[in-house]
Amino acid sequence: MGKEHLIKLGFVANPHGIRGEAELRLFNTEDSVLEDGMKVFLFPSSQKSKISAAGEEWLIKKVRFGNKVICQFDGVRDRTHLESLIPFEIFLDRDTFPEPEEGEVYLVDLIGMDVINEAGEVLGTLESFSDNGMQYLFDVRLAPLGELLTLPYVDAFFPKIDVENRQITMILPEFTE
């Protein structure tokens, strides 16, 4: 399965202990969907990792949440075996996620939506998003020149998201020289 149908949850860069457990660095630890017995997809983060560049499906044997998120993958024999796999990224199939609550949306579902102004004119499309640790940032590819504009996902710039019509209303910032 290619990465285009998957959602990146985080990465592993460090082992934990001697039994082959991994310290997961998840983007969202508060509402993580990871649980024992779940299938995840692993992709190498560098040439050092022995994981196939095409990705591999692995089963989570056990996952524990606390000060750190510790995970044991089925088939990892010991610390040395895990170290041969590190560093790698963890992905999950989008269909595995629960449906969002009323009035909520997964940010990944917004990618590709039209970005319009308050008059309904198309300004571009939402290309991607990122997290700077304080807030989410939306990357909007502006039409027709294709410039990339990155703005914080706050009401001052993005007052409305219409999931049904796949449109995000954006208020362009005023630029001064």
Protein backbone atom coordinates (compact mmCIF):
# COMPACT_ATOMS: atom_id res chain seq x y z
CA MET A 1 0.00 0.00 0.00
CA GLY A 2 1.38 3.44 -0.92
CA LYS A 3 1.69 6.29 1.55
CA GLU A 4 -1.02 8.30 -0.25
CA HIS A 5 -3.77 6.25 1.47
CA LEU A 6 -2.12 6.36 4.86
CA ILE A 7 -1.89 8.88 7.68
CA LYS A 8 1.42 9.45 9.41
CA LEU A 9 1.10 9.05 13.18
CA GLY A 10 4.71 9.59 14.19
CA PHE A 11 8.10 7.94 14.14
CA VAL A 12 10.54 5.74 16.07
CA ALA A 13 14.13 6.82 16.56
CA ASN A 14 14.97 5.08 19.86
CA PRO A 15 14.61 1.65 21.41
CA HIS A 16 13.28 1.25 24.96
CA GLY A 17 14.91 -1.35 27.17
CA ILE A 18 16.46 -4.63 26.05
CA ARG A 19 13.38 -6.63 24.96
CA GLY A 20 12.88 -4.88 21.60
CA GLU A 21 10.32 -2.32 22.65
CA ALA A 22 10.23 0.99 20.77
CA GLU A 23 9.73 4.52 22.04
CA LEU A 24 7.07 6.02 19.78
CA ARG A 25 7.08 9.75 19.05
CA LEU A 26 3.45 10.34 18.11
CA PHE A 27 2.05 13.59 16.77
CA ASN A 28 -1.07 13.10 18.90
CA THR A 29 -0.68 11.17 22.14
CA GLU A 30 -3.84 12.46 23.85
CA ASP A 31 -6.34 10.95 21.41
CA SER A 32 -4.22 8.29 19.77
CA VAL A 33 -6.12 5.53 17.98
CA LEU A 34 -3.30 3.01 18.46
CA GLU A 35 -4.16 -0.11 20.41
CA ASP A 36 -2.96 -3.65 21.00
CA GLY A 37 -3.45 -5.94 18.00
CA MET A 38 -3.64 -3.10 15.44
CA LYS A 39 -1.92 -3.31 12.05
CA VAL A 40 0.31 -0.36 11.16
CA PHE A 41 2.54 0.43 8.21
CA LEU A 42 6.21 1.22 8.73
CA PHE A 43 8.41 3.12 6.29
CA PRO A 44 12.14 3.76 6.71
CA SER A 45 13.25 7.29 7.66
CA SER A 46 16.78 6.77 6.35
CA GLN A 47 19.01 4.32 4.52
CA LYS A 48 20.08 2.92 7.89
CA SER A 49 16.70 1.24 8.43
CA LYS A 50 16.28 -2.37 7.22
CA ILE A 51 12.57 -1.75 6.56
CA SER A 52 11.68 -2.01 2.87
CA ALA A 53 11.45 1.35 1.07
CA ALA A 54 8.02 0.21 -0.17
CA GLY A 55 6.85 -0.07 3.45
CA GLU A 56 5.91 -3.05 5.57
CA GLU A 57 2.82 -4.02 7.50
CA TRP A 58 3.46 -4.79 11.18
CA LEU A 59 1.23 -5.78 14.08
CA ILE A 60 1.31 -3.94 17.40
CA LYS A 61 1.66 -6.60 20.07
CA LYS A 62 1.37 -4.15 22.97
CA VAL A 63 1.29 -0.37 23.35
CA ARG A 64 1.52 1.57 26.63
CA PHE A 65 0.77 5.25 27.11
CA GLY A 66 2.41 7.26 29.90
CA ASN A 67 5.27 9.74 30.08
CA LYS A 68 6.48 7.93 26.96
CA VAL A 69 4.57 5.83 24.46
CA ILE A 70 6.17 2.37 24.45
CA CYS A 71 5.30 -0.19 21.80
CA GLN A 72 6.20 -3.79 21.15
CA PHE A 73 5.82 -4.94 17.55
CA ASP A 74 5.00 -8.58 16.89
CA GLY A 75 8.07 -10.27 15.41
CA VAL A 76 10.70 -7.97 16.93
CA ARG A 77 12.97 -10.39 18.79
CA ASP A 78 15.12 -8.07 20.87
CA ARG A 79 16.76 -4.64 21.06
CA THR A 80 19.35 -5.51 18.39
CA HIS A 81 16.60 -6.50 15.95
CA LEU A 82 14.69 -3.26 16.64
CA GLU A 83 17.85 -1.18 16.24
CA SER A 84 18.26 -2.62 12.72
CA LEU A 85 14.80 -1.27 11.83
CA ILE A 86 15.28 2.21 13.32
CA PRO A 87 14.66 4.96 12.22
CA PHE A 88 11.17 4.52 10.77
CA GLU A 89 7.84 6.29 10.44
CA ILE A 90 4.49 4.86 11.53
CA PHE A 91 1.40 5.14 9.34
CA LEU A 92 -2.18 3.95 9.70
CA ASP A 93 -4.87 3.40 7.08
CA ARG A 94 -7.37 6.31 7.12
CA ASP A 95 -10.28 3.85 7.27
CA THR A 96 -9.04 2.68 10.70
CA PHE A 97 -9.85 6.04 12.30
CA PRO A 98 -13.23 6.49 13.98
CA GLU A 99 -15.69 8.90 12.39
CA PRO A 100 -15.16 12.43 13.72
CA GLU A 101 -17.64 13.89 16.18
CA GLU A 102 -20.27 16.38 15.00
CA GLY A 103 -18.58 19.65 14.06
CA GLU A 104 -15.11 18.05 13.99
CA VAL A 105 -12.95 17.00 11.06
CA TYR A 106 -9.63 15.27 10.49
CA LEU A 107 -7.21 17.77 8.99
CA VAL A 108 -6.02 15.19 6.47
CA ASP A 109 -9.56 15.14 5.04
CA LEU A 110 -9.24 18.85 4.17
CA ILE A 111 -6.32 18.36 1.78
CA GLY A 112 -7.36 19.09 -1.79
CA MET A 113 -10.33 21.25 -0.80
CA ASP A 114 -10.93 24.51 -2.65
CA VAL A 115 -9.91 27.61 -0.72
CA ILE A 116 -12.31 30.47 -1.42
CA ASN A 117 -12.66 34.08 -0.33
CA GLU A 118 -15.76 35.42 1.44
CA ALA A 119 -17.33 36.23 -1.95
CA GLY A 120 -17.03 32.56 -2.97
CA GLU A 121 -14.24 33.06 -5.52
CA VAL A 122 -11.68 30.26 -5.68
CA LEU A 123 -8.26 31.40 -4.43
CA GLY A 124 -6.53 28.02 -4.60
CA THR A 125 -6.43 24.64 -2.87
CA LEU A 126 -5.26 23.36 0.48
CA GLU A 127 -2.09 21.45 -0.35
CA SER A 128 -0.91 20.33 3.08
CA PHE A 129 -0.70 21.21 6.74
CA SER A 130 1.92 21.07 9.46
CA ASP A 131 2.22 21.68 13.17
CA ASN A 132 4.73 24.13 14.62
CA GLY A 133 4.08 23.00 18.19
CA MET A 134 1.77 25.92 18.95
CA GLN A 135 -0.79 25.66 16.15
CA TYR A 136 -1.51 24.05 12.82
CA LEU A 137 -0.32 25.74 9.65
CA PHE A 138 -2.21 25.46 6.34
CA ASP A 139 -0.28 25.47 3.06
CA VAL A 140 -2.50 26.97 0.36
CA ARG A 141 -1.46 26.73 -3.30
CA LEU A 142 -2.78 29.97 -4.80
CA ALA A 143 -4.24 30.07 -8.30
CA PRO A 144 -3.31 30.94 -11.02
CA LEU A 145 0.41 31.52 -10.33
CA GLY A 146 0.88 28.55 -8.05
CA GLU A 147 2.46 30.44 -5.16
CA LEU A 148 2.43 28.66 -1.82
CA LEU A 149 1.01 30.65 1.09
CA THR A 150 1.40 29.28 4.63
CA LEU A 151 -0.90 30.67 7.31
CA PRO A 152 -1.84 29.58 10.82
CA TYR A 153 -5.12 27.70 11.04
CA VAL A 154 -6.95 30.30 13.11
CA ASP A 155 -10.38 31.92 12.70
CA ALA A 156 -8.80 35.21 11.62
CA PHE A 157 -7.60 33.54 8.39
CA PHE A 158 -9.89 30.51 8.06
CA PRO A 159 -13.31 31.41 9.51
CA LYS A 160 -15.31 28.59 7.88
CA ILE A 161 -14.86 25.05 6.64
CA ASP A 162 -17.68 23.58 4.55
CA VAL A 163 -16.97 19.86 4.49
CA GLU A 164 -20.06 19.04 2.42
CA ASN A 165 -19.07 21.37 -0.44
CA ARG A 166 -15.32 20.78 0.11
CA GLN A 167 -14.55 24.48 0.57
CA ILE A 168 -12.47 26.41 3.08
CA THR A 169 -13.09 30.13 3.42
CA MET A 170 -9.88 32.12 3.76
CA ILE A 171 -9.38 35.79 4.54
CA LEU A 172 -6.18 36.89 2.84
CA PRO A 173 -3.83 38.84 5.08
CA GLU A 174 -3.06 42.41 4.14
CA PHE A 175 0.48 42.76 2.91
CA THR A 176 2.53 45.92 3.38
CA GLU A 177 5.96 46.75 2.09
